[in-house]
C-alpha atoms as a PDB file:
ATOM      1  CA  MET A   1     118.641 103.099  44.732  1.00  0.00           C
ATOM      2  CA  VAL A   2     118.155 102.122  48.443  1.00  0.00           C
ATOM      3  CA  VAL A   3     116.352 104.317  49.973  1.00  0.00           C
ATOM      4  CA  LYS A   4     114.016 104.367  46.484  1.00  0.00           C
ATOM      5  CA  ASN A   5     113.697 100.609  47.130  1.00  0.00           C
ATOM      6  CA  SER A   6     113.504 100.567  50.860  1.00  0.00           C
ATOM      7  CA  ARG A   7     110.111 102.679  49.981  1.00  0.00           C
ATOM      8  CA  GLN A   8     108.688  99.811  47.900  1.00  0.00           C
ATOM      9  CA  ASN A   9     109.910  96.994  50.498  1.00  0.00           C
ATOM     10  CA  GLU A  10     109.107  96.739  54.151  1.00  0.00           C
ATOM     11  CA  SER A  11     112.542  97.809  54.934  1.00  0.00           C
ATOM     12  CA  HIS A  12     115.988  98.546  54.780  1.00  0.00           C
ATOM     13  CA  ARG A  13     117.108  95.068  54.885  1.00  0.00           C
ATOM     14  CA  PRO A  14     114.931  93.757  52.143  1.00  0.00           C
ATOM     15  CA  ALA A  15     116.120  96.225  49.964  1.00  0.00           C
ATOM     16  CA  ILE A  16     119.757  95.680  50.125  1.00  0.00           C
ATOM     17  CA  LYS A  17     119.287  92.359  49.661  1.00  0.00           C
ATOM     18  CA  SER A  18     117.308  92.792  46.614  1.00  0.00           C
ATOM     19  CA  ILE A  19     120.003  95.697  45.251  1.00  0.00           C
ATOM     20  CA  SER A  20     122.390  93.440  46.180  1.00  0.00           C
ATOM     21  CA  SER A  21     121.522  90.565  44.569  1.00  0.00           C
ATOM     22  CA  LYS A  22     120.777  92.898  41.075  1.00  0.00           C
ATOM     23  CA  ILE A  23     124.262  94.207  41.067  1.00  0.00           C
ATOM     24  CA  GLY A  24     125.640  90.993  41.750  1.00  0.00           C
ATOM     25  CA  CYS A  25     127.385  92.212  44.777  1.00  0.00           C
ATOM     26  CA  ALA A  26     127.690  91.041  48.959  1.00  0.00           C
ATOM     27  CA  PRO A  27     124.729  92.673  51.029  1.00  0.00           C
ATOM     28  CA  GLN A  28     127.045  94.649  52.644  1.00  0.00           C
ATOM     29  CA  THR A  29     128.208  96.852  49.739  1.00  0.00           C
ATOM     30  CA  PRO A  30     125.252  98.727  49.149  1.00  0.00           C
ATOM     31  CA  ASN A  31     124.527  99.167  53.060  1.00  0.00           C
ATOM     32  CA  GLU A  32     127.677 100.371  53.770  1.00  0.00           C
ATOM     33  CA  TRP A  33     127.223 102.779  50.589  1.00  0.00           C
ATOM     34  CA  SER A  34     123.515 103.808  52.001  1.00  0.00           C
ATOM     35  CA  LYS A  35     125.641 104.302  55.775  1.00  0.00           C
ATOM     36  CA  LYS A  36     127.963 106.955  53.683  1.00  0.00           C
ATOM     37  CA  ALA A  37     125.233 108.584  51.647  1.00  0.00           C
ATOM     38  CA  GLU A  38     122.824 109.133  54.569  1.00  0.00           C
ATOM     39  CA  GLY A  39     125.760 110.684  56.392  1.00  0.00           C
ATOM     40  CA  GLU A  40     126.975 112.797  53.596  1.00  0.00           C
ATOM     41  CA  SER A  41     123.754 113.868  53.285  1.00  0.00           C
ATOM     42  CA  HIS A  42     123.342 114.809  57.299  1.00  0.00           C
ATOM     43  CA  ARG A  43     126.255 117.372  57.129  1.00  0.00           C
ATOM     44  CA  ARG A  44     124.810 118.634  54.584  1.00  0.00           C
ATOM     45  CA  ALA A  45     121.657 120.044  55.743  1.00  0.00           C
ATOM     46  CA  ALA A  46     123.678 121.274  58.980  1.00  0.00           C
ATOM     47  CA  ILE A  47     125.531 122.944  56.664  1.00  0.00           C
ATOM     48  CA  LEU A  48     123.233 124.581  55.662  1.00  0.00           C
ATOM     49  CA  ARG A  49     121.667 125.202  58.898  1.00  0.00           C
ATOM     50  CA  VAL A  50     124.388 126.734  59.837  1.00  0.00           C
ATOM     51  CA  ILE A  51     124.358 129.207  56.590  1.00  0.00           C
ATOM     52  CA  ALA A  52     121.048 130.286  57.039  1.00  0.00           C
ATOM     53  CA  GLU A  53     120.805 130.669  60.757  1.00  0.00           C
ATOM     54  CA  LYS A  54     124.284 133.136  59.517  1.00  0.00           C
ATOM     55  CA  VAL A  55     122.301 134.532  57.199  1.00  0.00           C
ATOM     56  CA  LYS A  56     119.166 135.654  59.513  1.00  0.00           C
ATOM     57  CA  ALA A  57     121.656 137.133  61.424  1.00  0.00           C
ATOM     58  CA  THR A  58     123.331 139.385  59.192  1.00  0.00           C
ATOM     59  CA  GLU A  59     119.689 140.529  58.168  1.00  0.00           C
ATOM     60  CA  ARG A  60     118.640 140.970  62.079  1.00  0.00           C
ATOM     61  CA  GLU A  61     122.185 142.998  61.803  1.00  0.00           C
ATOM     62  CA  SER A  62     121.139 145.124  58.572  1.00  0.00           C
ATOM     63  CA  ARG A  63     117.566 145.851  59.812  1.00  0.00           C
ATOM     64  CA  ALA A  64     119.227 146.766  63.016  1.00  0.00           C
ATOM     65  CA  ALA A  65     122.523 149.273  61.839  1.00  0.00           C
ATOM     66  CA  SER A  66     119.156 150.673  58.628  1.00  0.00           C
ATOM     67  CA  LEU A  67     117.038 151.889  61.826  1.00  0.00           C
ATOM     68  CA  ARG A  68     120.160 153.223  64.028  1.00  0.00           C
ATOM     69  CA  ASN A  69     120.700 155.502  60.909  1.00  0.00           C
ATOM     70  CA  SER A  70     117.337 156.386  59.773  1.00  0.00           C
END
């Protein structure tokens, strides 16, 4: 919700205030939620980059081995 509303508003802060008033909580609550989600998103992206690098390395090794065996 925060990310979606941040696109509609000028910044992150108005989005958080808008959401907190709609759901009846303090602005700190959706702010903490968005921080946690952002952190998890960055961790997932980092893991995916590592996996992609390992796949590429494995493919290179496989091609090299295939050429050696030809």
